PDB file of N, CA and C in Angstrom:
ATOM      1  N   MET A   1     -54.768-141.643  10.343  1.00  0.00           N
ATOM      2  CA  MET A   1     -54.559-141.524  11.771  1.00  0.00           C
ATOM      3  C   MET A   1     -54.280-142.893  12.384  1.00  0.00           C
ATOM      4  N   ASN A   2     -53.373-142.927  13.323  1.00  0.00           N
ATOM      5  CA  ASN A   2     -52.991-144.146  14.000  1.00  0.00           C
ATOM      6  C   ASN A   2     -53.828-144.315  15.267  1.00  0.00           C
ATOM      7  N   ASN A   3     -54.520-145.434  15.391  1.00  0.00           N
ATOM      8  CA  ASN A   3     -55.354-145.694  16.564  1.00  0.00           C
ATOM      9  C   ASN A   3     -54.731-146.726  17.491  1.00  0.00           C
ATOM     10  N   ARG A   4     -53.431-146.888  17.407  1.00  0.00           N
ATOM     11  CA  ARG A   4     -52.772-147.888  18.250  1.00  0.00           C
ATOM     12  C   ARG A   4     -52.937-147.547  19.720  1.00  0.00           C
ATOM     13  N   VAL A   5     -52.905-148.603  20.526  1.00  0.00           N
ATOM     14  CA  VAL A   5     -53.062-148.477  21.972  1.00  0.00           C
ATOM     15  C   VAL A   5     -51.801-149.014  22.638  1.00  0.00           C
ATOM     16  N   ILE A   6     -51.301-148.263  23.612  1.00  0.00           N
ATOM     17  CA  ILE A   6     -50.160-148.697  24.399  1.00  0.00           C
ATOM     18  C   ILE A   6     -50.669-149.025  25.799  1.00  0.00           C
ATOM     19  N   GLU A   7     -50.461-150.253  26.193  1.00  0.00           N
ATOM     20  CA  GLU A   7     -50.829-150.708  27.534  1.00  0.00           C
ATOM     21  C   GLU A   7     -49.547-150.721  28.359  1.00  0.00           C
ATOM     22  N   VAL A   8     -49.539-150.020  29.488  1.00  0.00           N
ATOM     23  CA  VAL A   8     -48.355-149.950  30.333  1.00  0.00           C
ATOM     24  C   VAL A   8     -48.728-150.424  31.733  1.00  0.00           C
ATOM     25  N   VAL A   9     -47.947-151.366  32.246  1.00  0.00           N
ATOM     26  CA  VAL A   9     -48.178-151.913  33.580  1.00  0.00           C
ATOM     27  C   VAL A   9     -46.871-151.815  34.354  1.00  0.00           C
ATOM     28  N   THR A  10     -46.949-151.302  35.580  1.00  0.00           N
ATOM     29  CA  THR A  10     -45.785-151.288  36.462  1.00  0.00           C
ATOM     30  C   THR A  10     -46.075-152.217  37.635  1.00  0.00           C
ATOM     31  N   PHE A  11     -45.032-152.929  38.082  1.00  0.00           N
ATOM     32  CA  PHE A  11     -45.233-153.899  39.156  1.00  0.00           C
ATOM     33  C   PHE A  11     -43.897-154.315  39.753  1.00  0.00           C
ATOM     34  N   LYS A  12     -43.980-155.013  40.884  1.00  0.00           N
ATOM     35  CA  LYS A  12     -42.844-155.677  41.509  1.00  0.00           C
ATOM     36  C   LYS A  12     -43.202-157.154  41.606  1.00  0.00           C
ATOM     37  N   LEU A  13     -42.197-158.002  41.565  1.00  0.00           N
ATOM     38  CA  LEU A  13     -42.444-159.430  41.691  1.00  0.00           C
ATOM     39  C   LEU A  13     -42.889-159.750  43.110  1.00  0.00           C
ATOM     40  N   ASN A  14     -43.755-160.748  43.236  1.00  0.00           N
ATOM     41  CA  ASN A  14     -44.183-161.206  44.554  1.00  0.00           C
ATOM     42  C   ASN A  14     -42.993-161.797  45.301  1.00  0.00           C
ATOM     43  N   LYS A  15     -43.032-161.699  46.613  1.00  0.00           N
ATOM     44  CA  LYS A  15     -41.983-162.303  47.429  1.00  0.00           C
ATOM     45  C   LYS A  15     -41.908-163.796  47.110  1.00  0.00           C
ATOM     46  N   GLY A  16     -40.709-164.304  46.982  1.00  0.00           N
ATOM     47  CA  GLY A  16     -40.510-165.715  46.706  1.00  0.00           C
ATOM     48  C   GLY A  16     -40.420-166.045  45.224  1.00  0.00           C
ATOM     49  N   VAL A  17     -40.734-165.086  44.359  1.00  0.00           N
ATOM     50  CA  VAL A  17     -40.636-165.297  42.910  1.00  0.00           C
ATOM     51  C   VAL A  17     -39.300-164.720  42.446  1.00  0.00           C
ATOM     52  N   SER A  18     -38.454-165.590  41.908  1.00  0.00           N
ATOM     53  CA  SER A  18     -37.152-165.122  41.441  1.00  0.00           C
ATOM     54  C   SER A  18     -37.276-164.487  40.059  1.00  0.00           C
ATOM     55  N   GLU A  19     -36.311-163.653  39.732  1.00  0.00           N
ATOM     56  CA  GLU A  19     -36.288-163.041  38.405  1.00  0.00           C
ATOM     57  C   GLU A  19     -36.194-164.125  37.330  1.00  0.00           C
ATOM     58  N   TYR A  20     -35.413-165.168  37.595  1.00  0.00           N
ATOM     59  CA  TYR A  20     -35.277-166.267  36.643  1.00  0.00           C
ATOM     60  C   TYR A  20     -36.629-166.929  36.380  1.00  0.00           C
ATOM     61  N   GLU A  21     -37.378-167.243  37.446  1.00  0.00           N
ATOM     62  CA  GLU A  21     -38.695-167.872  37.291  1.00  0.00           C
ATOM     63  C   GLU A  21     -39.642-166.965  36.507  1.00  0.00           C
ATOM     64  N   PHE A  22     -39.604-165.686  36.846  1.00  0.00           N
ATOM     65  CA  PHE A  22     -40.478-164.735  36.174  1.00  0.00           C
ATOM     66  C   PHE A  22     -40.159-164.649  34.687  1.00  0.00           C
ATOM     67  N   LEU A  23     -38.894-164.517  34.355  1.00  0.00           N
ATOM     68  CA  LEU A  23     -38.510-164.375  32.948  1.00  0.00           C
ATOM     69  C   LEU A  23     -38.801-165.645  32.154  1.00  0.00           C
ATOM     70  N   LYS A  24     -38.738-166.785  32.805  1.00  0.00           N
ATOM     71  CA  LYS A  24     -39.112-168.047  32.145  1.00  0.00           C
ATOM     72  C   LYS A  24     -40.607-168.029  31.792  1.00  0.00           C
ATOM     73  N   ALA A  25     -41.423-167.553  32.731  1.00  0.00           N
ATOM     74  CA  ALA A  25     -42.867-167.450  32.477  1.00  0.00           C
ATOM     75  C   ALA A  25     -43.158-166.403  31.405  1.00  0.00           C
ATOM     76  N   VAL A  26     -42.417-165.300  31.419  1.00  0.00           N
ATOM     77  CA  VAL A  26     -42.593-164.257  30.410  1.00  0.00           C
ATOM     78  C   VAL A  26     -42.301-164.803  29.020  1.00  0.00           C
ATOM     79  N   SER A  27     -41.261-165.599  28.924  1.00  0.00           N
ATOM     80  CA  SER A  27     -40.901-166.178  27.624  1.00  0.00           C
ATOM     81  C   SER A  27     -42.054-167.011  27.067  1.00  0.00           C
ATOM     82  N   ALA A  28     -42.628-167.845  27.913  1.00  0.00           N
ATOM     83  CA  ALA A  28     -43.751-168.681  27.477  1.00  0.00           C
ATOM     84  C   ALA A  28     -44.979-167.831  27.140  1.00  0.00           C
ATOM     85  N   SER A  29     -45.266-166.830  27.977  1.00  0.00           N
ATOM     86  CA  SER A  29     -46.452-166.007  27.717  1.00  0.00           C
ATOM     87  C   SER A  29     -46.263-165.140  26.479  1.00  0.00           C
ATOM     88  N   SER A  30     -45.021-164.771  26.184  1.00  0.00           N
ATOM     89  CA  SER A  30     -44.762-163.969  24.980  1.00  0.00           C
ATOM     90  C   SER A  30     -45.112-164.748  23.713  1.00  0.00           C
ATOM     91  N   GLU A  31     -44.855-166.029  23.719  1.00  0.00           N
ATOM     92  CA  GLU A  31     -45.222-166.847  22.562  1.00  0.00           C
ATOM     93  C   GLU A  31     -46.730-166.854  22.377  1.00  0.00           C
ATOM     94  N   PHE A  32     -47.470-166.882  23.477  1.00  0.00           N
ATOM     95  CA  PHE A  32     -48.921-166.876  23.385  1.00  0.00           C
ATOM     96  C   PHE A  32     -49.455-165.526  22.926  1.00  0.00           C
ATOM     97  N   ILE A  33     -48.977-164.448  23.538  1.00  0.00           N
ATOM     98  CA  ILE A  33     -49.519-163.118  23.210  1.00  0.00           C
ATOM     99  C   ILE A  33     -49.305-162.781  21.740  1.00  0.00           C
ATOM    100  N   LYS A  34     -48.249-163.303  21.152  1.00  0.00           N
ATOM    101  CA  LYS A  34     -47.983-163.057  19.726  1.00  0.00           C
ATOM    102  C   LYS A  34     -49.101-163.591  18.836  1.00  0.00           C
ATOM    103  N   THR A  35     -49.888-164.541  19.349  1.00  0.00           N
ATOM    104  CA  THR A  35     -50.962-165.142  18.552  1.00  0.00           C
ATOM    105  C   THR A  35     -52.268-164.351  18.641  1.00  0.00           C
ATOM    106  N   LEU A  36     -52.345-163.390  19.552  1.00  0.00           N
ATOM    107  CA  LEU A  36     -53.589-162.644  19.739  1.00  0.00           C
ATOM    108  C   LEU A  36     -53.772-161.611  18.632  1.00  0.00           C
ATOM    109  N   ASP A  37     -55.002-161.492  18.173  1.00  0.00           N
ATOM    110  CA  ASP A  37     -55.327-160.519  17.124  1.00  0.00           C
ATOM    111  C   ASP A  37     -54.955-159.111  17.579  1.00  0.00           C
ATOM    112  N   GLY A  38     -54.298-158.385  16.717  1.00  0.00           N
ATOM    113  CA  GLY A  38     -53.984-156.999  16.971  1.00  0.00           C
ATOM    114  C   GLY A  38     -52.718-156.748  17.763  1.00  0.00           C
ATOM    115  N   PHE A  39     -52.066-157.817  18.220  1.00  0.00           N
ATOM    116  CA  PHE A  39     -50.830-157.636  18.976  1.00  0.00           C
ATOM    117  C   PHE A  39     -49.726-157.117  18.064  1.00  0.00           C
ATOM    118  N   ILE A  40     -48.976-156.135  18.523  1.00  0.00           N
ATOM    119  CA  ILE A  40     -47.864-155.582  17.749  1.00  0.00           C
ATOM    120  C   ILE A  40     -46.527-155.832  18.434  1.00  0.00           C
ATOM    121  N   LEU A  41     -46.402-155.447  19.708  1.00  0.00           N
ATOM    122  CA  LEU A  41     -45.097-155.454  20.348  1.00  0.00           C
ATOM    123  C   LEU A  41     -45.231-155.554  21.857  1.00  0.00           C
ATOM    124  N   ARG A  42     -44.270-156.225  22.481  1.00  0.00           N
ATOM    125  CA  ARG A  42     -44.207-156.292  23.940  1.00  0.00           C
ATOM    126  C   ARG A  42     -42.785-155.995  24.380  1.00  0.00           C
ATOM    127  N   ARG A  43     -42.653-155.094  25.353  1.00  0.00           N
ATOM    128  CA  ARG A  43     -41.351-154.776  25.928  1.00  0.00           C
ATOM    129  C   ARG A  43     -41.451-154.921  27.440  1.00  0.00           C
ATOM    130  N   LEU A  44     -40.355-155.335  28.037  1.00  0.00           N
ATOM    131  CA  LEU A  44     -40.309-155.511  29.479  1.00  0.00           C
ATOM    132  C   LEU A  44     -38.978-154.972  29.969  1.00  0.00           C
ATOM    133  N   SER A  45     -39.018-154.185  31.034  1.00  0.00           N
ATOM    134  CA  SER A  45     -37.777-153.661  31.596  1.00  0.00           C
ATOM    135  C   SER A  45     -37.887-153.620  33.116  1.00  0.00           C
ATOM    136  N   CYS A  46     -36.722-153.523  33.764  1.00  0.00           N
ATOM    137  CA  CYS A  46     -36.665-153.505  35.221  1.00  0.00           C
ATOM    138  C   CYS A  46     -35.556-152.550  35.654  1.00  0.00           C
ATOM    139  N   ASP A  47     -35.829-151.765  36.695  1.00  0.00           N
ATOM    140  CA  ASP A  47     -34.788-150.887  37.210  1.00  0.00           C
ATOM    141  C   ASP A  47     -34.049-151.572  38.363  1.00  0.00           C
ATOM    142  N   ASP A  48     -33.061-150.899  38.909  1.00  0.00           N
ATOM    143  CA  ASP A  48     -32.244-151.472  39.981  1.00  0.00           C
ATOM    144  C   ASP A  48     -33.023-151.718  41.266  1.00  0.00           C
ATOM    145  N   GLY A  49     -34.173-151.087  41.409  1.00  0.00           N
ATOM    146  CA  GLY A  49     -34.999-151.266  42.601  1.00  0.00           C
ATOM    147  C   GLY A  49     -36.014-152.382  42.484  1.00  0.00           C
ATOM    148  N   GLY A  50     -35.982-153.131  41.382  1.00  0.00           N
ATOM    149  CA  GLY A  50     -36.938-154.223  41.198  1.00  0.00           C
ATOM    150  C   GLY A  50     -38.298-153.775  40.697  1.00  0.00           C
ATOM    151  N   ASN A  51     -38.384-152.569  40.181  1.00  0.00           N
ATOM    152  CA  ASN A  51     -39.627-152.067  39.596  1.00  0.00           C
ATOM    153  C   ASN A  51     -39.669-152.447  38.123  1.00  0.00           C
ATOM    154  N   TRP A  52     -40.676-153.208  37.749  1.00  0.00           N
ATOM    155  CA  TRP A  52     -40.824-153.692  36.374  1.00  0.00           C
ATOM    156  C   TRP A  52     -41.798-152.818  35.609  1.00  0.00           C
ATOM    157  N   LEU A  53     -41.599-152.720  34.313  1.00  0.00           N
ATOM    158  CA  LEU A  53     -42.497-152.004  33.424  1.00  0.00           C
ATOM    159  C   LEU A  53     -42.749-152.899  32.210  1.00  0.00           C
ATOM    160  N   GLU A  54     -44.027-153.160  31.964  1.00  0.00           N
ATOM    161  CA  GLU A  54     -44.421-153.930  30.771  1.00  0.00           C
ATOM    162  C   GLU A  54     -45.145-152.975  29.837  1.00  0.00           C
ATOM    163  N   HIS A  55     -44.747-152.992  28.587  1.00  0.00           N
ATOM    164  CA  HIS A  55     -45.280-152.104  27.555  1.00  0.00           C
ATOM    165  C   HIS A  55     -45.796-153.021  26.437  1.00  0.00           C
ATOM    166  N   VAL A  56     -47.096-152.991  26.203  1.00  0.00           N
ATOM    167  CA  VAL A  56     -47.690-153.823  25.156  1.00  0.00           C
ATOM    168  C   VAL A  56     -48.402-152.908  24.168  1.00  0.00           C
ATOM    169  N   GLU A  57     -48.109-153.092  22.901  1.00  0.00           N
ATOM    170  CA  GLU A  57     -48.719-152.258  21.862  1.00  0.00           C
ATOM    171  C   GLU A  57     -49.714-153.098  21.056  1.00  0.00           C
ATOM    172  N   TRP A  58     -50.899-152.531  20.856  1.00  0.00           N
ATOM    173  CA  TRP A  58     -51.985-153.177  20.118  1.00  0.00           C
ATOM    174  C   TRP A  58     -52.392-152.301  18.934  1.00  0.00           C
ATOM    175  N   GLU A  59     -53.003-152.921  17.929  1.00  0.00           N
ATOM    176  CA  GLU A  59     -53.463-152.171  16.751  1.00  0.00           C
ATOM    177  C   GLU A  59     -54.541-151.148  17.094  1.00  0.00           C
ATOM    178  N   ASN A  60     -55.417-151.504  18.069  1.00  0.00           N
ATOM    179  CA  ASN A  60     -56.491-150.585  18.459  1.00  0.00           C
ATOM    180  C   ASN A  60     -57.055-151.005  19.811  1.00  0.00           C
ATOM    181  N   LEU A  61     -57.949-150.200  20.343  1.00  0.00           N
ATOM    182  CA  LEU A  61     -58.523-150.452  21.662  1.00  0.00           C
ATOM    183  C   LEU A  61     -59.306-151.763  21.712  1.00  0.00           C
ATOM    184  N   ALA A  62     -60.042-152.061  20.675  1.00  0.00           N
ATOM    185  CA  ALA A  62     -60.838-153.301  20.660  1.00  0.00           C
ATOM    186  C   ALA A  62     -59.935-154.529  20.801  1.00  0.00           C
ATOM    187  N   HIS A  63     -58.807-154.532  20.098  1.00  0.00           N
ATOM    188  CA  HIS A  63     -57.877-155.657  20.211  1.00  0.00           C
ATOM    189  C   HIS A  63     -57.248-155.721  21.601  1.00  0.00           C
ATOM    190  N   ALA A  64     -56.902-154.567  22.159  1.00  0.00           N
ATOM    191  CA  ALA A  64     -56.315-154.533  23.501  1.00  0.00           C
ATOM    192  C   ALA A  64     -57.296-155.078  24.534  1.00  0.00           C
ATOM    193  N   GLU A  65     -58.541-154.660  24.437  1.00  0.00           N
ATOM    194  CA  GLU A  65     -59.551-155.133  25.385  1.00  0.00           C
ATOM    195  C   GLU A  65     -59.810-156.616  25.226  1.00  0.00           C
ATOM    196  N   ALA A  66     -59.887-157.090  23.988  1.00  0.00           N
ATOM    197  CA  ALA A  66     -60.115-158.516  23.754  1.00  0.00           C
ATOM    198  C   ALA A  66     -58.933-159.340  24.263  1.00  0.00           C
ATOM    199  N   GLY A  67     -57.728-158.857  24.031  1.00  0.00           N
ATOM    200  CA  GLY A  67     -56.543-159.561  24.513  1.00  0.00           C
ATOM    201  C   GLY A  67     -56.527-159.662  26.018  1.00  0.00           C
ATOM    202  N   GLY A  68     -56.890-158.587  26.684  1.00  0.00           N
ATOM    203  CA  GLY A  68     -56.904-158.568  28.138  1.00  0.00           C
ATOM    204  C   GLY A  68     -57.974-159.436  28.758  1.00  0.00           C
ATOM    205  N   LYS A  69     -59.006-159.768  27.987  1.00  0.00           N
ATOM    206  CA  LYS A  69     -60.099-160.613  28.488  1.00  0.00           C
ATOM    207  C   LYS A  69     -59.949-162.072  28.077  1.00  0.00           C
ATOM    208  N   ASN A  70     -58.935-162.374  27.271  1.00  0.00           N
ATOM    209  CA  ASN A  70     -58.735-163.744  26.803  1.00  0.00           C
ATOM    210  C   ASN A  70     -58.463-164.653  28.002  1.00  0.00           C
ATOM    211  N   PRO A  71     -59.251-165.720  28.192  1.00  0.00           N
ATOM    212  CA  PRO A  71     -59.080-166.593  29.358  1.00  0.00           C
ATOM    213  C   PRO A  71     -57.675-167.195  29.464  1.00  0.00           C
ATOM    214  N   LEU A  72     -57.076-167.516  28.350  1.00  0.00           N
ATOM    215  CA  LEU A  72     -55.730-168.087  28.401  1.00  0.00           C
ATOM    216  C   LEU A  72     -54.710-167.046  28.851  1.00  0.00           C
ATOM    217  N   TRP A  73     -54.889-165.808  28.405  1.00  0.00           N
ATOM    218  CA  TRP A  73     -53.991-164.732  28.826  1.00  0.00           C
ATOM    219  C   TRP A  73     -54.167-164.464  30.319  1.00  0.00           C
ATOM    220  N   LEU A  74     -55.399-164.486  30.805  1.00  0.00           N
ATOM    221  CA  LEU A  74     -55.658-164.254  32.217  1.00  0.00           C
ATOM    222  C   LEU A  74     -55.007-165.325  33.079  1.00  0.00           C
ATOM    223  N   ASP A  75     -54.903-166.558  32.585  1.00  0.00           N
ATOM    224  CA  ASP A  75     -54.248-167.630  33.330  1.00  0.00           C
ATOM    225  C   ASP A  75     -52.787-167.308  33.624  1.00  0.00           C
ATOM    226  N   TRP A  76     -52.127-166.600  32.725  1.00  0.00           N
ATOM    227  CA  TRP A  76     -50.719-166.253  32.941  1.00  0.00           C
ATOM    228  C   TRP A  76     -50.568-165.329  34.133  1.00  0.00           C
ATOM    229  N   TYR A  77     -51.581-164.539  34.432  1.00  0.00           N
ATOM    230  CA  TYR A  77     -51.471-163.542  35.485  1.00  0.00           C
ATOM    231  C   TYR A  77     -52.230-163.911  36.752  1.00  0.00           C
ATOM    232  N   SER A  78     -52.629-165.160  36.847  1.00  0.00           N
ATOM    233  CA  SER A  78     -53.344-165.556  38.074  1.00  0.00           C
ATOM    234  C   SER A  78     -52.441-166.335  39.003  1.00  0.00           C
TER     235      SER A  78
END
């Protein structure tokens, strides 16, 4: 049985944050998330209305929870 966890987040960029700035930060954070235990895959997409969807796949719930609590990961989203 597969116990993988899919984390899905929907959001819009804050006013004043350009898509270019955001994608630059995503690139840097993607390098970091790849180092977290249990990380499998990250996908990011955006529709024409500026609605973003982030899809992160983890090996299991414990890894997903640990990744989400990592202080360095939290810095990317503060």
